[in-house]
Amino acid sequence: MRTMLVRCLLAVASVKLARSFSPGARFESSAQLTTGARFESSAQPKQATRLNLKDKPGATQMSMSSSAASLDKSWSGLQTLSSRTPVGAALDAEKEARERGVGAAFVQNKLRMFDSQEAPRLTLYRDHAGWCPYCQKTMLLIEEKEIPINIELVPMRSYGDKPQSFTRKVPSGLLPALGVQTSDGREQIITESQVIMDLLDQWHTVENGYRGMMPEESDTSGQARFRQLANLERQLFSFWCNLIFRPEGPSFGGGGMISKIMGGGGSPDMSGSMQGFLECMKTVDSELASTKGPWFFDFADHPTMIDFIYVSHVERMLASCAFWKGLDLRSDEYRSKLPSLNAWLDAFEKRECYLAFKSDYYTHVKDIPPQYGPGYDGGFENKRLAMQMNVLGKDGKSWELPLSFDDELQPLYRGPPLPICVLKAAGIQGDNEQVGVEGTSYEKADPVKMDEACRHMAAWKLASNGANVAKFAARGGPGGSKNPRKTFGAELADPYASPDEQVIASVEDALQSVCVALLAPSNEHESALAGMRNDLEANITREKGRDVASALCYLRDRTGVPRDLPLAAARQLRAHLNAAIDVLYK
C-alpha cells in the first residue's frame, strides 16, 4: 500500500513539474554567482573539472612550552592559536569553501554547488540537528549524485519551533521538503522523502553525467528486486519497532529457526521479538550476500537508492539495540553471523559523505524517543548495563582521560574518523598507506597524531564560537533555564532557556582553560592538563566551582554528533570537560 501511495504521489508531482523542470527546459532568474553566470537549468550536465580546496599557507605546529602564562586566552586569541595549527588552518579553509558551496559534505551546509557554476533552482528543507532519518537518506542521495542545491535548516518539532517562513510553505511542517523554483518564479513544494529522492534521481540523469541510483526501466528483474528489497526494509523497520518500543514478551530458549540461522543453541535471554528482528536482519544479510558486494545492486560501484533507504534506519537500529537490549550487531560475534551486513556498513563508513551525517549512539538514544517513543530495557541484561554506561559516558572510560585509541562499542577507525581535510593536514596515513583519503580504514593510524588531530578539531570548534558556547553552557547554572516559554519532546532540548548571568564569566574562564588544553601539541598535553587544573583552582572560587561544573555538565550532555563534531573529536571535548568538572567539584 505504501509503495502504491508513493508511486501515485510521484506521478502527480512529475506531471506538475515535468514541463518546468525537465533537463531541456530553459529557466529565467536574476540569481547569480560571483562569476556573474546566469543559470538556465538546475539539471545541467556535470562539468569536467572540480573546484579545489586549498589549505591556508603558513600553518605550523604550535608550541606552548615557552610560557603558558603569556598565552592570549581570549576567544580571539585562542582562535588565532587554533588557526596556526595545521588542523585549524585546514578547517578555516574548509569553512570558507563550504560558504561558497564547495568543499566536503557537512551536516550544516546551506549550499552545495559541486562542479556547477550556476545557482541552484532547488532548495531542500531538512532538519537542523541531523536527527531525521528521512532527511539523512535524502542528503546521502544528493551527495552521491552531486546535485547542486540550496539547503534550509529547520528544527524538528521535538527540539524547536518551525519558523513561520517554513510553515507558510509547508503547513504540515513535514521534513524533508523540496522547493522547486518554477519558470514563473513560484516555489513548488514537494514532501515525502521517497518522492523527493525519486524526482531528484529522474531529473539528474546518467546521460547528463550524474550517477544512476535505480535499475534501468527496461531491467524488469532489477525493478522487481528493488520493490522486494523496499518491502523487506519495511518489514525490518516493523520488527525493530516491535523490539525496541514495546515491552519484550517471554524469552525462548532451546533450538528453533533462530538457533539454526544464527548458529547457536538458543538463548534463554532471547525474546520472541528479538528472534523475529534477528531473523529479518539475517534475511537482509542474505540479500547483500547475493551480490558481488558490498551494495544491494551490482549495476554500480557506489551505493544506490535502496542502500540509502536502508542505512539511515539501520544506523539507528545499531544504537538502540546496543543501548536498550545489549545487542551489539557490530561486535566480532555478529560480524561473523552477519558478515555481509557488516561489510556493507564498513563500506558506508569509508565514505566521507556518509560520515558527515552519521550520529553516535549517545545522540541517537537521545533523539530516538521523541521521534518514535521510549525504548524499553530488555534483552541481554549484563551486556545492556555495560553498554548503557559506555554510551552515557558513565563507565569511567568512554568520556574520561586518558582516552583509549578506539571506542570498544563504537569503532572509530573503520573509515576516516575526521574530515579528509583534517587528516591530510595532520599527515595521518590510512591503512592503505596513503595520507588523508577516504575509501580506507584508519585502524593502524598513528595514535599520537590521531589524538592530537581530534583534540585540535574540538578546540577549533570551541574557539570559533566560544562566547556563545559559554552563554549556552551557563543555562546549566543554578540560576539558568528559568521560565522557558515551552518545553519540547527531546529530553535535552530547551531553546528558550535563559543563561545564569552570574556564572557566565566563570564559565568562559573554564572553557578557555579547556580550549588551551585541547590545543596543546601531543608532547605538551599532560603539562597543559596540569595547567588547566591549576587555572581552574586559581581563577574560580570554591563557591562558584560547583555552579560552573554544573554548566560544563550541561554543555557536555548536549554535545551532539554530527551537529557539533564527529565522534572522534566529540569524545575529546566531552573527556576534557569531564577533567575540568572533576577539578571544580572538589
Protein backbone atom coordinates (compact mmCIF):
# COMPACT_ATOMS: atom_id res chain seq x y z
CA MET A 1 0.00 0.00 0.00
CA ARG A 2 2.77 2.45 0.93
CA THR A 3 4.63 1.70 -2.29
CA MET A 4 1.46 2.39 -4.31
CA LEU A 5 0.91 5.67 -2.44
CA VAL A 6 4.47 6.81 -3.14
CA ARG A 7 4.05 5.92 -6.81
CA CYS A 8 0.84 7.94 -7.01
CA LEU A 9 2.42 10.95 -5.31
CA LEU A 10 5.44 10.67 -7.57
CA ALA A 11 3.28 10.53 -10.67
CA VAL A 12 1.30 13.62 -9.62
CA ALA A 13 4.45 15.55 -8.75
CA SER A 14 6.13 14.54 -12.00
CA VAL A 15 3.17 15.70 -14.10
CA LYS A 16 3.03 19.06 -12.30
CA LEU A 17 6.74 19.74 -12.62
CA ALA A 18 7.85 17.98 -15.78
CA ARG A 19 7.38 20.98 -18.04
CA SER A 20 9.17 23.44 -15.78
CA PHE A 21 11.96 21.14 -14.61
CA SER A 22 12.92 18.87 -17.47
CA PRO A 23 16.65 18.97 -18.34
CA GLY A 24 15.80 20.68 -21.62
CA ALA A 25 13.69 23.43 -20.07
CA ARG A 26 15.04 26.98 -20.00
CA PHE A 27 14.77 28.85 -16.71
CA GLU A 28 14.89 32.59 -16.18
CA SER A 29 16.23 34.05 -12.95
CA SER A 30 18.11 37.06 -11.66
CA ALA A 31 20.07 34.91 -9.17
CA GLN A 32 23.78 34.90 -10.00
CA LEU A 33 27.02 33.55 -8.60
CA THR A 34 30.02 35.78 -8.09
CA THR A 35 31.15 34.81 -11.57
CA GLY A 36 28.08 36.57 -12.94
CA ALA A 37 26.93 33.44 -14.76
CA ARG A 38 23.14 33.33 -15.13
CA PHE A 39 21.80 29.81 -14.78
CA GLU A 40 19.33 28.22 -17.10
CA SER A 41 18.76 24.74 -15.70
CA SER A 42 19.40 23.04 -12.38
CA ALA A 43 19.89 19.76 -14.22
CA GLN A 44 22.80 20.76 -16.43
CA PRO A 45 25.42 18.17 -17.44
CA LYS A 46 28.17 17.95 -14.86
CA GLN A 47 31.37 19.87 -15.58
CA ALA A 48 34.60 18.01 -16.16
CA THR A 49 36.58 19.99 -13.58
CA ARG A 50 36.14 20.26 -9.82
CA LEU A 51 36.62 23.28 -7.62
CA ASN A 52 39.62 22.50 -5.42
CA LEU A 53 40.03 23.32 -1.77
CA LYS A 54 43.44 24.70 -0.93
CA ASP A 55 44.66 24.75 2.64
CA LYS A 56 45.77 28.08 4.02
CA PRO A 57 49.53 28.57 3.71
CA GLY A 58 51.77 29.07 6.66
CA ALA A 59 50.14 26.70 9.15
CA THR A 60 52.72 25.44 11.61
CA GLN A 61 52.80 23.16 14.61
CA MET A 62 52.03 25.28 17.66
CA SER A 63 54.12 25.07 20.82
CA MET A 64 53.03 26.30 24.22
CA SER A 65 56.20 25.43 26.03
CA SER A 66 57.74 28.91 26.02
CA SER A 67 55.34 30.46 28.52
CA ALA A 68 51.83 29.26 29.19
CA ALA A 69 51.19 32.38 31.24
CA SER A 70 51.88 34.58 28.20
CA LEU A 71 49.22 32.92 26.05
CA ASP A 72 46.33 35.13 24.98
CA LYS A 73 43.42 33.13 26.36
CA SER A 74 40.72 35.38 24.99
CA TRP A 75 38.48 33.74 22.42
CA SER A 76 40.06 35.79 19.63
CA GLY A 77 43.50 34.79 20.87
CA LEU A 78 42.51 31.13 21.02
CA GLN A 79 41.05 31.35 17.52
CA THR A 80 44.38 32.69 16.30
CA LEU A 81 46.24 29.87 18.08
CA SER A 82 43.90 27.31 16.57
CA SER A 83 44.31 28.75 13.06
CA ARG A 84 48.08 28.40 13.39
CA THR A 85 47.81 24.65 13.75
CA PRO A 86 47.64 22.58 10.54
CA VAL A 87 44.22 21.25 11.57
CA GLY A 88 42.82 24.69 12.38
CA ALA A 89 44.14 26.19 9.13
CA ALA A 90 42.56 23.35 7.14
CA LEU A 91 39.23 23.82 8.92
CA ASP A 92 39.33 27.57 8.30
CA ALA A 93 39.83 26.92 4.58
CA GLU A 94 37.11 24.27 4.57
CA LYS A 95 34.66 26.67 6.23
CA GLU A 96 35.33 29.26 3.53
CA ALA A 97 34.85 26.62 0.84
CA ARG A 98 31.54 25.50 2.34
CA GLU A 99 30.24 29.07 2.26
CA ARG A 100 30.88 29.02 -1.49
CA GLY A 101 29.02 25.71 -1.80
CA VAL A 102 32.11 23.60 -2.41
CA GLY A 103 34.26 21.51 -0.10
CA ALA A 104 33.20 18.35 1.70
CA ALA A 105 29.82 17.16 2.90
CA PHE A 106 28.79 18.68 6.22
CA VAL A 107 25.61 18.34 8.22
CA GLN A 108 25.01 22.10 8.34
CA ASN A 109 25.94 23.04 4.80
CA LYS A 110 23.50 25.53 3.31
CA LEU A 111 24.67 25.36 -0.29
CA ARG A 112 26.04 22.53 -2.43
CA MET A 113 27.49 23.50 -5.80
CA PHE A 114 29.89 20.64 -6.57
CA ASP A 115 31.13 21.35 -10.14
CA SER A 116 28.25 23.60 -11.13
CA GLN A 117 28.75 27.27 -11.94
CA GLU A 118 25.03 28.03 -11.94
CA ALA A 119 22.91 28.89 -8.93
CA PRO A 120 20.58 26.02 -7.99
CA ARG A 121 16.83 26.16 -8.59
CA LEU A 122 16.24 23.54 -5.90
CA THR A 123 16.01 24.03 -2.14
CA LEU A 124 15.96 21.16 0.34
CA TYR A 125 14.38 21.88 3.73
CA ARG A 126 15.90 19.50 6.25
CA ASP A 127 16.37 19.25 10.00
CA HIS A 128 18.96 21.41 11.73
CA ALA A 129 20.46 18.87 14.14
CA GLY A 130 20.86 15.88 11.83
CA TRP A 131 18.32 13.75 13.69
CA CYS A 132 15.82 12.99 10.91
CA PRO A 133 16.48 9.65 9.14
CA TYR A 134 14.43 10.72 6.11
CA CYS A 135 16.46 13.91 5.70
CA GLN A 136 19.63 11.87 6.10
CA LYS A 137 18.84 9.43 3.29
CA THR A 138 17.82 12.33 1.02
CA MET A 139 21.10 14.13 1.70
CA LEU A 140 23.09 10.97 1.02
CA LEU A 141 21.50 10.69 -2.41
CA ILE A 142 22.24 14.38 -3.10
CA GLU A 143 25.87 13.98 -2.05
CA GLU A 144 26.46 10.78 -4.02
CA LYS A 145 24.85 12.20 -7.16
CA GLU A 146 26.47 15.62 -6.55
CA ILE A 147 23.25 17.56 -7.18
CA PRO A 148 23.60 21.35 -6.86
CA ILE A 149 21.08 22.50 -4.28
CA ASN A 150 20.28 25.14 -1.66
CA ILE A 151 19.65 23.86 1.86
CA GLU A 152 17.48 25.46 4.54
CA LEU A 153 17.86 24.09 8.08
CA VAL A 154 14.61 23.77 10.02
CA PRO A 155 14.09 22.49 13.60
CA MET A 156 12.17 19.31 14.18
CA ARG A 157 9.12 19.69 16.42
CA SER A 158 10.87 17.65 19.10
CA TYR A 159 13.54 20.28 19.72
CA GLY A 160 12.25 23.63 18.46
CA ASP A 161 9.58 25.68 16.75
CA LYS A 162 9.48 25.75 12.99
CA PRO A 163 9.77 29.29 11.58
CA GLN A 164 6.67 30.81 10.02
CA SER A 165 8.61 31.30 6.78
CA PHE A 166 8.69 27.49 6.52
CA THR A 167 5.19 26.67 7.77
CA ARG A 168 3.69 29.13 5.29
CA LYS A 169 5.22 26.97 2.58
CA VAL A 170 4.71 23.60 4.29
CA PRO A 171 1.68 23.89 6.62
CA SER A 172 2.11 20.27 7.73
CA GLY A 173 5.68 21.02 8.86
CA LEU A 174 6.89 17.77 7.30
CA LEU A 175 10.61 17.26 6.74
CA PRO A 176 12.26 16.85 4.38
CA ALA A 177 10.59 19.11 1.84
CA LEU A 178 11.83 20.09 -1.59
CA GLY A 179 11.26 23.53 -3.09
CA VAL A 180 11.44 23.83 -6.87
CA GLN A 181 11.54 27.28 -8.42
CA THR A 182 9.32 27.16 -11.48
CA SER A 183 9.62 29.23 -14.66
CA ASP A 184 7.07 31.78 -13.42
CA GLY A 185 9.06 32.45 -10.22
CA ARG A 186 6.89 30.46 -7.83
CA GLU A 187 8.19 27.76 -5.49
CA GLN A 188 6.56 24.36 -5.83
CA ILE A 189 6.82 22.34 -2.61
CA ILE A 190 7.12 18.55 -2.57
CA THR A 191 7.10 16.40 0.59
CA GLU A 192 7.58 12.65 1.26
CA SER A 193 11.24 11.65 1.19
CA GLN A 194 10.83 8.80 -1.30
CA VAL A 195 9.03 11.04 -3.79
CA ILE A 196 11.76 13.67 -3.38
CA MET A 197 14.53 11.13 -3.89
CA ASP A 198 12.85 9.61 -6.95
CA LEU A 199 12.35 13.01 -8.57
CA LEU A 200 15.92 14.11 -7.86
CA ASP A 201 17.17 10.93 -9.47
CA GLN A 202 14.92 11.34 -12.51
CA TRP A 203 15.88 15.00 -13.02
CA HIS A 204 19.64 14.34 -12.80
CA THR A 205 20.28 11.57 -15.27
CA VAL A 206 23.21 9.36 -16.17
CA GLU A 207 23.14 10.93 -19.64
CA ASN A 208 23.88 14.30 -18.04
CA GLY A 209 26.80 12.91 -16.06
CA TYR A 210 25.10 12.06 -12.76
CA ARG A 211 25.33 8.72 -11.02
CA GLY A 212 22.46 6.32 -11.57
CA MET A 213 20.53 5.31 -8.48
CA MET A 214 17.95 2.88 -9.86
CA PRO A 215 17.95 -0.12 -12.21
CA GLU A 216 17.04 0.82 -15.76
CA GLU A 217 13.30 0.84 -16.51
CA SER A 218 13.93 -1.94 -19.03
CA ASP A 219 15.56 -4.07 -16.32
CA THR A 220 12.41 -5.79 -15.09
CA SER A 221 14.24 -8.16 -12.74
CA GLY A 222 16.18 -5.23 -11.25
CA GLN A 223 12.97 -3.25 -10.76
CA ALA A 224 11.34 -6.26 -9.13
CA ARG A 225 14.35 -6.72 -6.84
CA PHE A 226 14.16 -3.06 -5.81
CA ARG A 227 10.48 -3.44 -4.85
CA GLN A 228 11.20 -6.65 -2.96
CA LEU A 229 14.08 -5.04 -1.05
CA ALA A 230 11.98 -1.95 -0.26
CA ASN A 231 9.28 -4.20 1.21
CA LEU A 232 11.93 -6.08 3.21
CA GLU A 233 13.16 -2.77 4.65
CA ARG A 234 9.64 -2.00 5.88
CA GLN A 235 9.47 -5.46 7.47
CA LEU A 236 12.79 -4.87 9.20
CA PHE A 237 11.56 -1.48 10.43
CA SER A 238 8.45 -3.12 11.84
CA PHE A 239 10.43 -5.82 13.66
CA TRP A 240 12.74 -3.12 15.07
CA CYS A 241 9.82 -1.07 16.37
CA ASN A 242 8.31 -4.17 17.96
CA LEU A 243 11.63 -5.00 19.66
CA ILE A 244 12.58 -1.53 20.91
CA PHE A 245 9.37 0.40 21.54
CA ARG A 246 7.25 -2.29 23.19
CA PRO A 247 7.90 -4.33 26.34
CA GLU A 248 9.51 -7.61 25.36
CA GLY A 249 7.47 -10.77 25.65
CA PRO A 250 8.67 -14.05 27.15
CA SER A 251 12.09 -15.39 26.26
CA PHE A 252 12.55 -18.60 24.33
CA GLY A 253 15.46 -20.93 24.97
CA GLY A 254 16.47 -24.06 23.15
CA GLY A 255 16.57 -24.57 19.39
CA GLY A 256 14.28 -23.36 16.64
CA MET A 257 14.71 -21.34 13.48
CA ILE A 258 16.75 -18.55 15.06
CA SER A 259 19.14 -21.11 16.53
CA LYS A 260 19.79 -22.52 13.06
CA ILE A 261 20.05 -19.09 11.42
CA MET A 262 22.38 -17.54 13.95
CA GLY A 263 24.48 -20.64 14.51
CA GLY A 264 23.77 -21.03 18.20
CA GLY A 265 21.94 -23.26 20.60
CA GLY A 266 19.28 -20.73 21.53
CA SER A 267 19.46 -18.26 24.38
CA PRO A 268 17.24 -18.09 27.45
CA ASP A 269 17.57 -14.29 27.27
CA MET A 270 16.21 -14.00 23.73
CA SER A 271 12.57 -12.94 23.41
CA GLY A 272 10.32 -13.68 20.50
CA SER A 273 10.56 -10.07 19.33
CA MET A 274 14.36 -10.25 19.33
CA GLN A 275 14.29 -13.53 17.45
CA GLY A 276 11.98 -12.02 14.84
CA PHE A 277 14.22 -8.98 14.43
CA LEU A 278 17.36 -11.11 14.05
CA GLU A 279 15.68 -13.45 11.57
CA CYS A 280 14.69 -10.47 9.43
CA MET A 281 18.19 -8.97 9.73
CA LYS A 282 19.63 -12.30 8.60
CA THR A 283 17.40 -12.11 5.51
CA VAL A 284 18.83 -8.66 4.81
CA ASP A 285 22.32 -10.09 5.22
CA SER A 286 21.48 -12.85 2.73
CA GLU A 287 20.26 -10.30 0.17
CA LEU A 288 23.53 -8.41 0.49
CA ALA A 289 25.44 -11.67 0.15
CA SER A 290 23.66 -12.40 -3.14
CA THR A 291 25.57 -9.59 -4.91
CA LYS A 292 29.28 -9.14 -5.58
CA GLY A 293 29.22 -6.69 -2.67
CA PRO A 294 29.18 -4.57 -0.75
CA TRP A 295 25.96 -2.92 -2.06
CA PHE A 296 22.45 -4.25 -2.74
CA PHE A 297 22.93 -3.93 -6.53
CA ASP A 298 25.83 -4.77 -8.82
CA PHE A 299 24.96 -2.30 -11.62
CA ALA A 300 27.02 0.44 -9.87
CA ASP A 301 30.21 0.58 -7.85
CA HIS A 302 28.62 3.01 -5.39
CA PRO A 303 25.61 2.92 -3.05
CA THR A 304 22.28 3.39 -4.76
CA MET A 305 18.75 4.36 -3.80
CA ILE A 306 17.97 1.20 -1.86
CA ASP A 307 21.19 1.44 0.16
CA PHE A 308 20.21 4.92 1.35
CA ILE A 309 16.69 3.73 2.18
CA TYR A 310 18.17 1.11 4.50
CA VAL A 311 21.18 2.77 6.07
CA SER A 312 19.55 5.68 7.90
CA HIS A 313 17.35 3.33 9.95
CA VAL A 314 19.94 0.55 10.28
CA GLU A 315 22.23 3.16 11.87
CA ARG A 316 19.52 3.85 14.46
CA MET A 317 18.95 0.13 14.96
CA LEU A 318 22.61 -0.35 15.89
CA ALA A 319 22.43 2.33 18.59
CA SER A 320 19.06 1.34 20.03
CA CYS A 321 19.74 -2.40 20.09
CA ALA A 322 23.01 -1.85 21.95
CA PHE A 323 21.56 0.64 24.44
CA TRP A 324 18.18 -0.89 25.25
CA LYS A 325 18.86 -4.58 24.53
CA GLY A 326 22.59 -5.22 24.98
CA LEU A 327 22.73 -6.45 21.37
CA ASP A 328 25.86 -5.27 19.56
CA LEU A 329 25.43 -6.02 15.87
CA ARG A 330 28.92 -4.64 15.14
CA SER A 331 30.70 -6.95 17.58
CA ASP A 332 33.06 -9.69 16.45
CA GLU A 333 30.31 -12.21 17.22
CA TYR A 334 27.82 -10.58 14.86
CA ARG A 335 30.43 -9.73 12.26
CA SER A 336 30.72 -13.49 11.80
CA LYS A 337 26.96 -14.08 11.96
CA LEU A 338 26.01 -11.15 9.71
CA PRO A 339 29.13 -10.76 7.56
CA SER A 340 27.56 -9.10 4.54
CA LEU A 341 25.64 -6.59 6.64
CA ASN A 342 28.83 -5.60 8.43
CA ALA A 343 30.79 -5.40 5.17
CA TRP A 344 28.05 -3.08 3.85
CA LEU A 345 28.31 -0.89 6.97
CA ASP A 346 32.11 -0.88 6.68
CA ALA A 347 31.79 0.32 3.08
CA PHE A 348 29.48 3.17 4.10
CA GLU A 349 31.82 4.19 6.90
CA LYS A 350 34.67 4.57 4.42
CA ARG A 351 32.72 7.28 2.55
CA GLU A 352 33.22 10.82 3.82
CA CYS A 353 29.73 11.94 2.81
CA TYR A 354 28.14 9.24 4.96
CA LEU A 355 30.30 10.06 7.97
CA ALA A 356 29.28 13.72 7.64
CA PHE A 357 25.72 12.72 8.60
CA LYS A 358 26.42 9.78 10.92
CA SER A 359 25.48 10.17 14.60
CA ASP A 360 26.98 8.46 17.62
CA TYR A 361 24.98 6.17 19.87
CA TYR A 362 24.59 8.82 22.58
CA THR A 363 22.98 11.29 20.19
CA HIS A 364 20.69 8.60 18.80
CA VAL A 365 19.42 7.36 22.17
CA LYS A 366 18.50 10.97 22.95
CA ASP A 367 16.92 11.73 19.55
CA ILE A 368 15.06 8.43 19.00
CA PRO A 369 12.47 8.63 21.85
CA PRO A 370 10.93 11.98 20.82
CA GLN A 371 10.56 10.67 17.26
CA TYR A 372 9.47 7.06 17.88
CA GLY A 373 8.58 6.75 21.56
CA PRO A 374 10.51 5.50 24.59
CA GLY A 375 12.77 2.49 24.27
CA TYR A 376 12.24 -0.42 26.67
CA ASP A 377 15.10 -2.07 28.53
CA GLY A 378 15.38 -5.79 27.93
CA GLY A 379 17.47 -8.32 26.07
CA PHE A 380 20.83 -9.35 27.49
CA GLU A 381 20.85 -7.55 30.81
CA ASN A 382 24.51 -7.76 31.80
CA LYS A 383 25.69 -6.64 28.38
CA ARG A 384 22.97 -3.99 28.24
CA LEU A 385 24.00 -2.36 31.51
CA ALA A 386 27.64 -2.21 30.41
CA MET A 387 26.71 -0.77 27.02
CA GLN A 388 24.45 1.84 28.58
CA MET A 389 27.26 3.00 30.83
CA ASN A 390 29.56 3.25 27.80
CA VAL A 391 27.07 5.22 25.70
CA LEU A 392 26.26 7.63 28.54
CA GLY A 393 29.91 8.17 29.38
CA LYS A 394 29.49 6.66 32.85
CA ASP A 395 31.78 3.64 32.51
CA GLY A 396 34.87 5.54 33.63
CA LYS A 397 36.43 5.13 30.17
CA SER A 398 34.45 6.37 27.18
CA TRP A 399 34.35 10.04 28.28
CA GLU A 400 37.38 10.09 30.61
CA LEU A 401 41.03 10.97 30.13
CA PRO A 402 43.22 9.31 29.09
CA LEU A 403 41.03 8.08 26.26
CA SER A 404 41.78 4.75 24.62
CA PHE A 405 42.72 4.92 20.95
CA ASP A 406 39.40 3.36 19.91
CA ASP A 407 35.96 3.03 21.50
CA GLU A 408 35.07 -0.53 22.47
CA LEU A 409 31.42 -0.19 21.41
CA GLN A 410 31.58 2.29 18.52
CA PRO A 411 34.70 1.60 16.42
CA LEU A 412 36.03 4.92 15.16
CA TYR A 413 38.51 3.90 12.51
CA ARG A 414 36.79 1.59 10.04
CA GLY A 415 36.75 4.68 7.84
CA PRO A 416 38.05 8.24 8.09
CA PRO A 417 37.16 9.41 11.64
CA LEU A 418 37.61 13.10 10.82
CA PRO A 419 37.08 15.22 7.71
CA ILE A 420 39.56 14.36 4.98
CA CYS A 421 40.96 17.89 5.06
CA VAL A 422 41.87 17.38 8.74
CA LEU A 423 43.52 14.01 8.15
CA LYS A 424 45.55 15.46 5.29
CA ALA A 425 46.62 18.50 7.31
CA ALA A 426 47.66 16.29 10.22
CA GLY A 427 49.58 13.94 7.93
CA ILE A 428 47.61 10.90 9.11
CA GLN A 429 48.09 7.83 6.97
CA GLY A 430 45.28 5.40 6.30
CA ASP A 431 45.63 1.64 6.33
CA ASN A 432 46.24 1.76 2.56
CA GLU A 433 49.40 3.78 3.33
CA GLN A 434 48.00 6.96 1.74
CA VAL A 435 47.65 10.19 3.70
CA GLY A 436 44.17 11.59 4.29
CA VAL A 437 41.97 9.69 1.85
CA GLU A 438 38.54 8.09 2.01
CA GLY A 439 37.86 4.53 0.96
CA THR A 440 40.14 3.04 3.60
CA SER A 441 40.19 2.30 7.32
CA TYR A 442 42.42 4.07 9.84
CA GLU A 443 42.74 1.31 12.43
CA LYS A 444 46.56 1.28 12.07
CA ALA A 445 46.93 5.06 12.09
CA ASP A 446 49.48 6.75 14.35
CA PRO A 447 47.57 7.04 17.67
CA VAL A 448 49.53 10.11 18.78
CA LYS A 449 48.84 12.03 15.59
CA MET A 450 45.21 10.95 15.64
CA ASP A 451 44.71 12.02 19.26
CA GLU A 452 46.18 15.44 18.54
CA ALA A 453 44.12 15.95 15.38
CA CYS A 454 40.91 15.05 17.23
CA ARG A 455 41.74 17.45 20.05
CA HIS A 456 42.64 20.25 17.67
CA MET A 457 39.37 19.89 15.79
CA ALA A 458 37.43 20.08 19.05
CA ALA A 459 39.46 23.14 20.10
CA TRP A 460 38.85 24.83 16.74
CA LYS A 461 35.09 24.37 17.09
CA LEU A 462 35.08 25.66 20.68
CA ALA A 463 37.32 28.66 20.00
CA SER A 464 35.38 29.68 16.89
CA ASN A 465 32.20 30.37 18.89
CA GLY A 466 33.44 30.47 22.45
CA ALA A 467 31.43 33.38 23.85
CA ASN A 468 28.14 31.92 22.61
CA VAL A 469 29.08 28.44 23.80
CA ALA A 470 29.76 29.85 27.28
CA LYS A 471 26.35 31.55 27.38
CA PHE A 472 24.72 28.33 26.23
CA ALA A 473 26.54 26.31 28.91
CA ALA A 474 25.55 28.86 31.57
CA ARG A 475 21.96 27.68 31.20
CA GLY A 476 23.13 24.81 33.37
CA GLY A 477 24.00 27.14 36.26
CA PRO A 478 21.70 27.29 39.30
CA GLY A 479 20.03 30.46 38.01
CA GLY A 480 19.67 29.27 34.42
CA SER A 481 16.90 27.57 32.47
CA LYS A 482 14.27 29.63 34.24
CA ASN A 483 10.78 30.13 32.84
CA PRO A 484 11.22 28.56 29.42
CA ARG A 485 8.42 29.60 27.08
CA LYS A 486 7.59 25.98 26.34
CA THR A 487 9.03 22.51 26.58
CA PHE A 488 9.80 20.05 23.79
CA GLY A 489 9.76 16.29 23.43
CA ALA A 490 13.52 15.87 23.21
CA GLU A 491 14.94 15.28 26.68
CA LEU A 492 17.75 17.84 26.45
CA ALA A 493 16.06 20.44 24.22
CA ASP A 494 15.42 23.82 25.83
CA PRO A 495 15.86 26.50 23.14
CA TYR A 496 14.13 29.18 25.19
CA ALA A 497 16.11 28.61 28.39
CA SER A 498 17.99 31.61 29.75
CA PRO A 499 21.61 31.52 30.98
CA ASP A 500 22.62 32.09 34.58
CA GLU A 501 24.15 35.55 34.20
CA GLN A 502 26.07 35.16 37.45
CA VAL A 503 28.24 32.32 36.14
CA ILE A 504 28.86 33.30 32.52
CA ALA A 505 32.24 34.94 33.20
CA SER A 506 33.45 31.97 35.24
CA VAL A 507 32.17 29.51 32.63
CA GLU A 508 34.13 31.42 29.99
CA ASP A 509 37.28 31.18 32.12
CA ALA A 510 36.78 27.45 32.49
CA LEU A 511 36.11 26.83 28.80
CA GLN A 512 39.12 28.90 27.78
CA SER A 513 41.29 26.74 30.03
CA VAL A 514 39.78 23.62 28.47
CA CYS A 515 40.45 25.03 24.99
CA VAL A 516 44.12 25.65 25.82
CA ALA A 517 44.50 22.03 26.93
CA LEU A 518 42.83 20.77 23.75
CA LEU A 519 45.18 22.89 21.62
CA ALA A 520 48.38 21.59 23.19
CA PRO A 521 50.68 19.54 20.95
CA SER A 522 50.98 15.91 21.98
CA ASN A 523 54.31 16.27 23.75
CA GLU A 524 52.90 19.06 25.92
CA HIS A 525 49.39 17.73 26.52
CA GLU A 526 49.97 16.39 30.03
CA SER A 527 51.56 19.64 31.17
CA ALA A 528 48.70 21.57 29.55
CA LEU A 529 46.18 19.49 31.51
CA ALA A 530 48.08 20.28 34.72
CA GLY A 531 47.99 23.94 33.73
CA MET A 532 44.25 23.71 33.13
CA ARG A 533 43.72 22.28 36.61
CA ASN A 534 45.89 25.00 38.15
CA ASP A 535 44.00 27.72 36.28
CA LEU A 536 40.63 26.38 37.38
CA GLU A 537 41.69 26.23 41.02
CA ALA A 538 43.22 29.72 40.86
CA ASN A 539 40.54 31.56 38.86
CA ILE A 540 37.27 30.01 40.03
CA THR A 541 36.34 30.26 43.67
CA ARG A 542 35.20 27.25 45.63
CA GLU A 543 31.77 28.89 46.00
CA LYS A 544 31.42 29.15 42.20
CA GLY A 545 33.08 25.82 41.43
CA ARG A 546 30.04 23.57 41.58
CA ASP A 547 27.90 26.07 39.70
CA VAL A 548 30.45 26.20 36.87
CA ALA A 549 30.78 22.41 36.94
CA SER A 550 27.01 22.15 36.51
CA ALA A 551 27.26 24.41 33.47
CA LEU A 552 30.02 22.28 31.95
CA CYS A 553 27.89 19.16 32.52
CA TYR A 554 25.06 20.89 30.67
CA LEU A 555 27.37 21.53 27.70
CA ARG A 556 28.90 18.04 27.78
CA ASP A 557 25.50 16.38 27.71
CA ARG A 558 24.36 18.50 24.74
CA THR A 559 27.39 17.95 22.54
CA GLY A 560 25.77 16.28 19.57
CA VAL A 561 27.19 14.17 16.75
CA PRO A 562 27.39 15.10 13.89
CA ARG A 563 25.82 18.53 14.50
CA ASP A 564 28.70 19.80 16.66
CA LEU A 565 31.60 17.45 15.93
CA PRO A 566 32.35 13.98 14.55
CA LEU A 567 32.52 11.38 17.31
CA ALA A 568 36.33 11.12 17.33
CA ALA A 569 36.54 14.83 18.19
CA ALA A 570 33.38 14.98 20.33
CA ARG A 571 34.71 12.33 22.73
CA GLN A 572 37.80 14.52 23.25
CA LEU A 573 35.67 17.55 24.11
CA ARG A 574 33.47 15.52 26.46
CA ALA A 575 36.51 13.98 28.18
CA HIS A 576 38.28 17.32 28.63
CA LEU A 577 35.10 18.85 30.02
CA ASN A 578 34.93 15.97 32.49
CA ALA A 579 38.53 16.61 33.52
CA ALA A 580 37.57 20.22 34.31
CA ILE A 581 34.38 19.12 36.08
CA ASP A 582 36.38 16.82 38.36
CA VAL A 583 38.51 19.78 39.50
CA LEU A 584 35.54 22.10 40.02
CA TYR A 585 33.53 19.60 42.05
CA LYS A 586 36.31 19.15 44.61
